[in-house]
C-alpha atoms as a PDB file:
ATOM      1  CA  MET A   1     -13.333  12.596  22.761  1.00  0.00           C
ATOM      2  CA  THR A   2     -13.873  11.987  19.064  1.00  0.00           C
ATOM      3  CA  THR A   3     -11.259  12.821  16.500  1.00  0.00           C
ATOM      4  CA  ARG A   4     -12.106  13.183  12.892  1.00  0.00           C
ATOM      5  CA  LEU A   5     -10.018  12.243   9.920  1.00  0.00           C
ATOM      6  CA  GLY A   6     -11.265  12.587   6.409  1.00  0.00           C
ATOM      7  CA  VAL A   7      -9.685  10.277   3.839  1.00  0.00           C
ATOM      8  CA  THR A   8     -10.251  10.752   0.115  1.00  0.00           C
ATOM      9  CA  VAL A   9      -8.738   8.487  -2.538  1.00  0.00           C
ATOM     10  CA  SER A  10      -8.194   9.523  -6.146  1.00  0.00           C
ATOM     11  CA  ARG A  11      -6.920   6.784  -8.465  1.00  0.00           C
ATOM     12  CA  GLU A  12      -4.881   8.167 -11.349  1.00  0.00           C
ATOM     13  CA  ALA A  13      -3.330   6.172 -14.193  1.00  0.00           C
ATOM     14  CA  THR A  14       0.199   6.200 -12.756  1.00  0.00           C
ATOM     15  CA  HIS A  15      -0.361   6.845  -9.051  1.00  0.00           C
ATOM     16  CA  THR A  16      -2.954   7.245  -6.310  1.00  0.00           C
ATOM     17  CA  VAL A  17      -3.504  10.444  -4.355  1.00  0.00           C
ATOM     18  CA  VAL A  18      -4.745  10.005  -0.794  1.00  0.00           C
ATOM     19  CA  THR A  19      -5.900  13.249   0.788  1.00  0.00           C
ATOM     20  CA  VAL A  20      -6.200  13.434   4.554  1.00  0.00           C
ATOM     21  CA  ALA A  21      -7.929  16.158   6.530  1.00  0.00           C
ATOM     22  CA  GLY A  22      -8.134  16.578  10.280  1.00  0.00           C
ATOM     23  CA  GLU A  23      -6.291  14.709  13.017  1.00  0.00           C
ATOM     24  CA  LEU A  24      -4.257  11.555  12.480  1.00  0.00           C
ATOM     25  CA  ASP A  25      -3.892   9.924  15.878  1.00  0.00           C
ATOM     26  CA  VAL A  26      -4.279   6.668  17.778  1.00  0.00           C
ATOM     27  CA  ILE A  27      -8.052   6.826  17.394  1.00  0.00           C
ATOM     28  CA  SER A  28      -8.276   7.782  13.724  1.00  0.00           C
ATOM     29  CA  ALA A  29      -5.224   5.953  12.366  1.00  0.00           C
ATOM     30  CA  GLU A  30      -7.185   2.769  11.677  1.00  0.00           C
ATOM     31  CA  ARG A  31      -9.314   4.554   9.096  1.00  0.00           C
ATOM     32  CA  LEU A  32      -6.235   5.612   7.131  1.00  0.00           C
ATOM     33  CA  ARG A  33      -4.591   2.206   7.668  1.00  0.00           C
ATOM     34  CA  ALA A  34      -7.626   0.500   6.119  1.00  0.00           C
ATOM     35  CA  ALA A  35      -7.646   2.810   3.091  1.00  0.00           C
ATOM     36  CA  LEU A  36      -3.906   2.525   2.446  1.00  0.00           C
ATOM     37  CA  GLY A  37      -3.888  -1.217   3.111  1.00  0.00           C
ATOM     38  CA  LYS A  38      -6.658  -1.730   0.562  1.00  0.00           C
ATOM     39  CA  LEU A  39      -4.699   0.243  -2.031  1.00  0.00           C
ATOM     40  CA  LEU A  40      -1.553  -1.803  -1.409  1.00  0.00           C
ATOM     41  CA  ASP A  41      -3.581  -5.030  -1.606  1.00  0.00           C
ATOM     42  CA  GLU A  42      -4.874  -3.853  -5.013  1.00  0.00           C
ATOM     43  CA  GLY A  43      -1.290  -3.321  -6.189  1.00  0.00           C
ATOM     44  CA  ARG A  44      -1.625   0.467  -6.004  1.00  0.00           C
ATOM     45  CA  ASP A  45       1.808   1.056  -4.467  1.00  0.00           C
ATOM     46  CA  ARG A  46       2.610   4.438  -6.029  1.00  0.00           C
ATOM     47  CA  LEU A  47       1.054   6.615  -3.347  1.00  0.00           C
ATOM     48  CA  ILE A  48       0.983  10.370  -2.857  1.00  0.00           C
ATOM     49  CA  LEU A  49      -0.355  11.524   0.511  1.00  0.00           C
ATOM     50  CA  ASP A  50      -1.726  15.075   0.444  1.00  0.00           C
ATOM     51  CA  ALA A  51      -1.367  16.345   4.002  1.00  0.00           C
ATOM     52  CA  SER A  52      -2.241  19.979   3.313  1.00  0.00           C
ATOM     53  CA  ALA A  53      -5.378  19.734   5.497  1.00  0.00           C
ATOM     54  CA  LEU A  54      -3.812  17.561   8.218  1.00  0.00           C
ATOM     55  CA  THR A  55      -3.976  19.465  11.505  1.00  0.00           C
ATOM     56  CA  PHE A  56      -2.313  16.941  13.831  1.00  0.00           C
ATOM     57  CA  CYS A  57      -0.315  13.724  13.740  1.00  0.00           C
ATOM     58  CA  ASP A  58       0.773  11.680  16.766  1.00  0.00           C
ATOM     59  CA  SER A  59       3.269   8.839  17.056  1.00  0.00           C
ATOM     60  CA  MET A  60       0.703   6.259  15.886  1.00  0.00           C
ATOM     61  CA  GLY A  61       0.147   8.293  12.723  1.00  0.00           C
ATOM     62  CA  LEU A  62       3.884   8.562  12.123  1.00  0.00           C
ATOM     63  CA  ARG A  63       4.289   4.821  12.628  1.00  0.00           C
ATOM     64  CA  LEU A  64       1.502   4.115  10.146  1.00  0.00           C
ATOM     65  CA  LEU A  65       3.076   6.356   7.513  1.00  0.00           C
ATOM     66  CA  LEU A  66       6.470   4.698   7.993  1.00  0.00           C
ATOM     67  CA  GLU A  67       4.918   1.225   7.681  1.00  0.00           C
ATOM     68  CA  VAL A  68       3.120   2.163   4.467  1.00  0.00           C
ATOM     69  CA  HIS A  69       6.254   3.837   3.116  1.00  0.00           C
ATOM     70  CA  ASP A  70       8.257   0.652   3.719  1.00  0.00           C
ATOM     71  CA  ALA A  71       5.526  -1.620   2.314  1.00  0.00           C
ATOM     72  CA  ALA A  72       5.238   0.448  -0.861  1.00  0.00           C
ATOM     73  CA  GLU A  73       9.013   0.490  -1.366  1.00  0.00           C
ATOM     74  CA  GLN A  74       9.214  -3.299  -0.934  1.00  0.00           C
ATOM     75  CA  THR A  75       7.004  -3.714  -3.996  1.00  0.00           C
ATOM     76  CA  GLY A  76       8.789  -1.077  -6.073  1.00  0.00           C
ATOM     77  CA  GLY A  77       6.409   1.740  -5.240  1.00  0.00           C
ATOM     78  CA  PHE A  78       6.579   4.803  -3.034  1.00  0.00           C
ATOM     79  CA  LEU A  79       4.809   6.980  -0.498  1.00  0.00           C
ATOM     80  CA  ARG A  80       5.431  10.650  -1.244  1.00  0.00           C
ATOM     81  CA  LEU A  81       4.137  13.435   0.975  1.00  0.00           C
ATOM     82  CA  VAL A  82       2.777  16.760  -0.264  1.00  0.00           C
ATOM     83  CA  GLY A  83       1.347  19.794   1.478  1.00  0.00           C
ATOM     84  CA  VAL A  84       3.362  19.178   4.638  1.00  0.00           C
ATOM     85  CA  GLN A  85       2.966  22.262   6.802  1.00  0.00           C
ATOM     86  CA  GLY A  86       2.313  23.575  10.288  1.00  0.00           C
ATOM     87  CA  VAL A  87       2.297  21.089  13.155  1.00  0.00           C
ATOM     88  CA  PHE A  88       2.880  18.097  10.876  1.00  0.00           C
ATOM     89  CA  ARG A  89       6.010  19.672   9.352  1.00  0.00           C
ATOM     90  CA  ARG A  90       7.289  20.518  12.817  1.00  0.00           C
ATOM     91  CA  ILE A  91       6.703  16.961  14.074  1.00  0.00           C
ATOM     92  CA  LEU A  92       8.554  15.493  11.083  1.00  0.00           C
ATOM     93  CA  THR A  93      11.431  17.927  11.602  1.00  0.00           C
ATOM     94  CA  VAL A  94      11.748  17.488  15.375  1.00  0.00           C
ATOM     95  CA  THR A  95      11.657  13.687  15.132  1.00  0.00           C
ATOM     96  CA  GLY A  96      14.097  13.619  12.220  1.00  0.00           C
ATOM     97  CA  LEU A  97      11.533  11.767  10.110  1.00  0.00           C
ATOM     98  CA  SER A  98      11.498  14.438   7.425  1.00  0.00           C
ATOM     99  CA  ALA A  99      14.571  12.623   6.079  1.00  0.00           C
ATOM    100  CA  ALA A 100      12.628   9.335   5.853  1.00  0.00           C
ATOM    101  CA  PHE A 101      10.027  10.724   3.438  1.00  0.00           C
ATOM    102  CA  THR A 102      10.248  12.439   0.099  1.00  0.00           C
ATOM    103  CA  ILE A 103       8.298  15.675   0.485  1.00  0.00           C
ATOM    104  CA  TYR A 104       6.962  17.803  -2.370  1.00  0.00           C
ATOM    105  CA  GLU A 105       5.054  21.071  -2.489  1.00  0.00           C
ATOM    106  CA  THR A 106       2.262  19.837  -4.780  1.00  0.00           C
ATOM    107  CA  THR A 107       0.752  16.593  -5.996  1.00  0.00           C
ATOM    108  CA  GLY A 108       1.843  17.547  -9.503  1.00  0.00           C
ATOM    109  CA  ASP A 109       5.462  17.809  -8.384  1.00  0.00           C
ATOM    110  CA  ALA A 110       5.234  14.441  -6.620  1.00  0.00           C
ATOM    111  CA  ALA A 111       3.601  12.771  -9.624  1.00  0.00           C
ATOM    112  CA  ASP A 112       6.202  14.150 -12.034  1.00  0.00           C
ATOM    113  CA  ALA A 113       9.189  13.084  -9.906  1.00  0.00           C
END
């Protein structure tokens, strides 16, 4: 079984938008981990994750997002989520992790916050 996760990075002056599409799971998480890790290594710690096209997220994906959230906060940055809907919203709600992340409707809202 092959899962697919598209990861697109857009570097803005004050933040970086990372757009994910597809399934974030134990198989595909490494791709996102590499992209986010590279950004943090570059000092790009003001991250906005656009999850509007994310169709699935398992516990490995949640763990990765929590790790990146904590790493960004330790350096004075953030990980803000946008476009959280469907299965991903339900998973965050059921696990209680919706309280761990700041969630916005749009990337513009997240950037302006």
